[in-house]
Amino acid sequence: MAEQKIHTMLCLGDSYTIGEAVEETERFPMQTVELLKAAGIHFSKPAIVAKTGWTTDELAVAVKEAKLEGTYDVVTLLIGVNNQYRGRDLDNYRKEFQALLQTSIDFAHGNAAHVFVVSIPDWGVTPFAANDKRGEKKIGEEIDLFNAMNKEEALKAKANYIDITPVSREAKNNSSLIATDGLHPSGNMYAAWAKQLRKAILDTFQSK
């Protein structure tokens, strides 16, 4: 009987990837590998380079400083919410996102089909946003602009695009999707993201 191959995963991002305010097992990368395991595809514990508050340029510096070795079978990239939060320029975001996307492809054996860009969730529907002068509508519109850009770049590079923004907006009427800090996703919301990512990864692996 052939030995079970153990795949590797690298996840790049910010608070949404590191799972601010939830247990490690509730992070979406961890939930994703558990779902894949149940489907017969085994992964080692994901390598994560992410920190709450990071913007695109800060993530790029951190990736270099991490001195990661080798390549990975799957790479996820979710970055941009802090660019939007800080009022950063969209064109600057595009330029820095393009570079991070290329870095992600390089880490994925140069195979863009094994890179999974995850859209930015809409934090405008959270209790935390109630104190932000931009308001829910404006925040949502800005998130949509950032996502239109990262989707365009992902598809241009022939990477996968996982749109979790619609489910993030369900938190407006479902408090169980928000963590106790009133801002970040709960394990329940991450579970929904993990299901979407699981399907995309399975589709990619099974299409070989």
Protein backbone atom coordinates (compact mmCIF):
# COMPACT_ATOMS: atom_id res chain seq x y z
CA MET A 1 0.00 0.00 0.00
CA ALA A 2 1.39 3.38 -1.03
CA GLU A 3 2.36 5.73 1.76
CA GLN A 4 -0.07 8.63 2.27
CA LYS A 5 1.40 11.83 0.80
CA ILE A 6 1.48 14.71 3.25
CA HIS A 7 0.96 18.05 1.51
CA THR A 8 2.15 21.44 2.71
CA MET A 9 0.34 24.77 3.00
CA LEU A 10 1.55 28.34 3.46
CA CYS A 11 -0.91 31.03 4.53
CA LEU A 12 -0.03 34.71 4.15
CA GLY A 13 -2.12 37.53 5.59
CA ASP A 14 -3.20 39.55 8.58
CA SER A 15 -5.60 39.11 11.53
CA TYR A 16 -8.01 37.05 9.44
CA THR A 17 -5.35 34.45 8.70
CA ILE A 18 -3.81 34.31 12.17
CA GLY A 19 -7.32 34.10 13.65
CA GLU A 20 -7.38 37.07 16.01
CA ALA A 21 -9.75 36.43 18.95
CA VAL A 22 -10.30 32.72 18.23
CA GLU A 23 -8.53 29.51 19.23
CA GLU A 24 -5.79 28.18 16.97
CA THR A 25 -7.98 25.26 15.89
CA GLU A 26 -10.66 27.72 14.73
CA ARG A 27 -8.42 29.58 12.29
CA PHE A 28 -9.56 29.06 8.73
CA PRO A 29 -6.28 27.41 7.62
CA MET A 30 -6.57 24.84 10.44
CA GLN A 31 -10.23 24.15 9.72
CA THR A 32 -9.46 23.79 6.02
CA VAL A 33 -6.81 21.11 6.52
CA GLU A 34 -9.17 19.21 8.83
CA LEU A 35 -11.87 19.24 6.14
CA LEU A 36 -9.36 18.11 3.52
CA LYS A 37 -8.19 15.31 5.80
CA ALA A 38 -11.78 14.07 5.98
CA ALA A 39 -11.78 14.09 2.16
CA GLY A 40 -8.63 11.95 2.08
CA ILE A 41 -6.10 14.69 1.33
CA HIS A 42 -3.62 15.12 4.15
CA PHE A 43 -1.69 18.27 5.05
CA SER A 44 0.89 19.01 7.69
CA LYS A 45 0.16 21.94 10.01
CA PRO A 46 -0.06 25.09 7.85
CA ALA A 47 2.85 27.52 7.97
CA ILE A 48 1.39 30.95 8.74
CA VAL A 49 2.98 34.36 8.19
CA ALA A 50 0.33 36.78 9.42
CA LYS A 51 -0.22 39.36 12.13
CA THR A 52 -3.09 41.57 13.18
CA GLY A 53 -2.83 45.00 11.59
CA TRP A 54 -0.51 44.17 8.73
CA THR A 55 -0.83 45.99 5.42
CA THR A 56 0.55 44.72 2.11
CA ASP A 57 3.98 46.30 2.58
CA GLU A 58 4.28 45.01 6.15
CA LEU A 59 3.41 41.49 5.04
CA ALA A 60 5.99 41.67 2.26
CA VAL A 61 8.71 42.65 4.75
CA ALA A 62 7.64 39.89 7.15
CA VAL A 63 7.77 37.23 4.43
CA LYS A 64 11.34 38.21 3.62
CA GLU A 65 12.30 38.22 7.30
CA ALA A 66 10.70 34.80 7.83
CA LYS A 67 13.33 33.27 5.53
CA LEU A 68 10.96 30.53 4.43
CA GLU A 69 12.65 27.59 2.78
CA GLY A 70 11.40 25.46 -0.08
CA THR A 71 7.99 25.53 -1.71
CA TYR A 72 4.45 24.54 -0.75
CA ASP A 73 1.65 22.55 -2.35
CA VAL A 74 -0.94 25.24 -1.49
CA VAL A 75 -0.51 28.95 -0.74
CA THR A 76 -3.30 31.23 0.49
CA LEU A 77 -3.18 35.03 0.37
CA LEU A 78 -5.63 37.31 2.19
CA ILE A 79 -4.42 40.88 2.59
CA GLY A 80 -5.74 44.41 2.20
CA VAL A 81 -8.21 45.19 4.97
CA ASN A 82 -5.66 47.30 6.83
CA ASN A 83 -4.79 49.17 3.64
CA GLN A 84 -8.48 50.05 3.40
CA TYR A 85 -8.80 50.80 7.13
CA ARG A 86 -5.85 53.21 7.03
CA GLY A 87 -7.15 54.92 3.90
CA ARG A 88 -4.30 53.72 1.70
CA ASP A 89 -4.30 54.37 -2.04
CA LEU A 90 -5.86 51.74 -4.32
CA ASP A 91 -3.14 51.98 -6.95
CA ASN A 92 -0.51 51.43 -4.28
CA TYR A 93 -2.49 48.40 -3.10
CA ARG A 94 -2.55 46.97 -6.62
CA LYS A 95 1.21 47.32 -7.00
CA GLU A 96 1.99 45.74 -3.62
CA PHE A 97 -0.65 43.04 -4.02
CA GLN A 98 0.78 42.08 -7.42
CA ALA A 99 4.19 41.58 -5.80
CA LEU A 100 2.74 39.48 -2.97
CA LEU A 101 0.76 37.42 -5.46
CA GLN A 102 3.93 36.70 -7.44
CA THR A 103 5.68 35.76 -4.20
CA SER A 104 2.81 33.39 -3.45
CA ILE A 105 3.10 31.79 -6.89
CA ASP A 106 6.84 31.36 -6.42
CA PHE A 107 6.21 29.59 -3.10
CA ALA A 108 3.64 27.34 -4.82
CA HIS A 109 6.27 25.69 -7.05
CA GLY A 110 5.60 28.48 -9.56
CA ASN A 111 2.11 27.07 -10.11
CA ALA A 112 -0.57 29.79 -9.92
CA ALA A 113 -3.29 27.12 -9.88
CA HIS A 114 -2.14 26.22 -6.36
CA VAL A 115 -2.50 29.79 -5.08
CA PHE A 116 -5.80 30.72 -3.43
CA VAL A 117 -6.52 34.41 -3.01
CA VAL A 118 -9.20 35.00 -0.39
CA SER A 119 -11.31 38.16 -0.64
CA ILE A 120 -11.36 40.78 2.12
CA PRO A 121 -14.31 40.41 4.50
CA ASP A 122 -16.57 43.40 5.18
CA TRP A 123 -15.87 44.57 8.72
CA GLY A 124 -18.35 47.40 8.19
CA VAL A 125 -21.18 45.17 9.45
CA THR A 126 -19.50 44.51 12.83
CA PRO A 127 -20.26 46.25 16.14
CA PHE A 128 -16.73 47.71 16.04
CA ALA A 129 -17.57 49.64 12.87
CA ALA A 130 -20.44 51.45 14.59
CA ASN A 131 -17.85 53.88 15.97
CA ASP A 132 -16.17 54.49 12.61
CA LYS A 133 -17.16 57.80 11.02
CA ARG A 134 -17.16 56.29 7.52
CA GLY A 135 -20.20 54.18 8.34
CA GLU A 136 -21.26 50.74 7.14
CA LYS A 137 -22.18 51.76 3.59
CA LYS A 138 -18.92 53.61 2.87
CA ILE A 139 -16.77 50.87 4.40
CA GLY A 140 -18.59 48.26 2.32
CA GLU A 141 -18.09 50.26 -0.86
CA GLU A 142 -14.37 50.62 -0.16
CA ILE A 143 -14.02 46.90 0.59
CA ASP A 144 -15.71 46.17 -2.75
CA LEU A 145 -13.19 48.36 -4.59
CA PHE A 146 -10.24 46.60 -2.96
CA ASN A 147 -11.77 43.22 -3.72
CA ALA A 148 -12.45 44.13 -7.35
CA MET A 149 -8.76 44.88 -7.65
CA ASN A 150 -7.42 41.76 -5.94
CA LYS A 151 -9.85 39.58 -7.90
CA GLU A 152 -8.74 41.13 -11.18
CA GLU A 153 -5.08 40.51 -10.33
CA ALA A 154 -5.73 36.95 -9.10
CA LEU A 155 -7.60 35.95 -12.24
CA LYS A 156 -5.05 37.67 -14.49
CA ALA A 157 -2.34 35.56 -12.86
CA LYS A 158 -4.55 32.44 -13.21
CA ALA A 159 -4.72 31.96 -9.43
CA ASN A 160 -7.89 30.85 -7.65
CA TYR A 161 -10.22 33.43 -6.09
CA ILE A 162 -12.30 32.60 -3.02
CA ASP A 163 -15.05 35.19 -2.45
CA ILE A 164 -15.90 35.05 1.25
CA THR A 165 -17.19 38.64 1.40
CA PRO A 166 -20.89 37.73 1.00
CA VAL A 167 -20.79 35.35 3.99
CA SER A 168 -18.90 37.97 6.01
CA ARG A 169 -21.84 40.32 5.50
CA GLU A 170 -24.20 37.78 7.04
CA ALA A 171 -22.68 38.80 10.38
CA LYS A 172 -24.87 41.91 10.26
CA ASN A 173 -27.83 39.77 11.32
CA ASN A 174 -25.99 36.84 12.90
CA SER A 175 -23.84 37.65 15.93
CA SER A 176 -22.57 34.06 16.11
CA LEU A 177 -20.36 34.90 13.12
CA ILE A 178 -18.45 37.55 15.08
CA ALA A 179 -15.80 36.89 17.74
CA THR A 180 -16.08 38.24 21.26
CA ASP A 181 -14.00 41.33 20.34
CA GLY A 182 -16.87 42.60 18.20
CA LEU A 183 -14.70 42.90 15.09
CA HIS A 184 -13.09 39.67 13.93
CA PRO A 185 -14.79 36.54 12.58
CA SER A 186 -15.76 33.77 14.94
CA GLY A 187 -14.84 30.14 14.44
CA ASN A 188 -18.29 29.70 12.88
CA MET A 189 -17.54 32.20 10.16
CA TYR A 190 -14.11 30.73 9.57
CA ALA A 191 -15.79 27.35 9.16
CA ALA A 192 -17.79 28.77 6.25
CA TRP A 193 -14.61 30.13 4.67
CA ALA A 194 -12.88 26.78 5.17
CA LYS A 195 -15.69 24.99 3.31
CA GLN A 196 -15.23 27.29 0.31
CA LEU A 197 -11.47 26.85 0.38
CA ARG A 198 -11.76 23.08 0.78
CA LYS A 199 -13.91 22.85 -2.34
CA ALA A 200 -11.52 24.96 -4.39
CA ILE A 201 -8.48 22.97 -3.26
CA LEU A 202 -10.22 19.66 -3.93
CA ASP A 203 -11.25 20.84 -7.39
CA THR A 204 -7.64 21.80 -8.14
CA PHE A 205 -6.12 18.58 -6.85
CA GLN A 206 -8.70 16.36 -8.51
CA SER A 207 -8.37 18.06 -11.90
CA LYS A 208 -4.81 16.76 -12.30
